[in-house]
Amino acid sequence: MDTVLYSAMRECKNYFYEKAKDTSSRKFNSPVVLTGEFVISNGKLTLNPAPIVGQHIRIIGSRVNDGVYLVEDSEITLKDTKDEVFNGKVAFLVVPADFLELVEEIRIFRKAQNPAAGNIASEKIGSNYSYTKSTNADGVAAGWKEVFRSKLHPFRKHFEEEI
């Protein structure tokens, strides 16, 4: 599961659900969601219809695999899953490229944060080097949600879409 992507989507309350295109159906423009019993075995998920390679899916209702995954091959092999049979939903997502680029920026920012430094806003190391982290109103080192708030805003929804 891509935890950074999932966290950013959750923060925005926006999962970019693919919308049904069949205008003859009452489900036109509703999220494309498969419901029922699903099996994940050896990292492979069987779906019919299947998403396309490169598409993201969201698993909902699993005991151990809830989250957002990238479909990397036609066999729907998902990274970091545990074998299970579950009753739930699998939603097809259409994530915009600019959101994925923003998530990559967040990923780089999170890697660059020094967890050992805790909430220290600035630190001097030796006589020739110091650094300063961005801080929030309380003077505490800002997390990714605060640092990227304005960039996440265009993607934000007031309420999570029901599926």
Foldseek 3Di string as FASTA:
>chain_A
DPVLLQVLCVLQLHQQFDADCPPVDPRGGPGDKDFFKWWQDPQFTDDVVDDDQQWKKAWPFDPFDGTIFGQHDPRRRTPPDDTDIGTTMITTHDDDPVSVVVSVVLVVVVVPDDVVVPFQQKDADPDPDIDGADADPVSTHDHSCVVCVVVSVVSHDPHNDDD
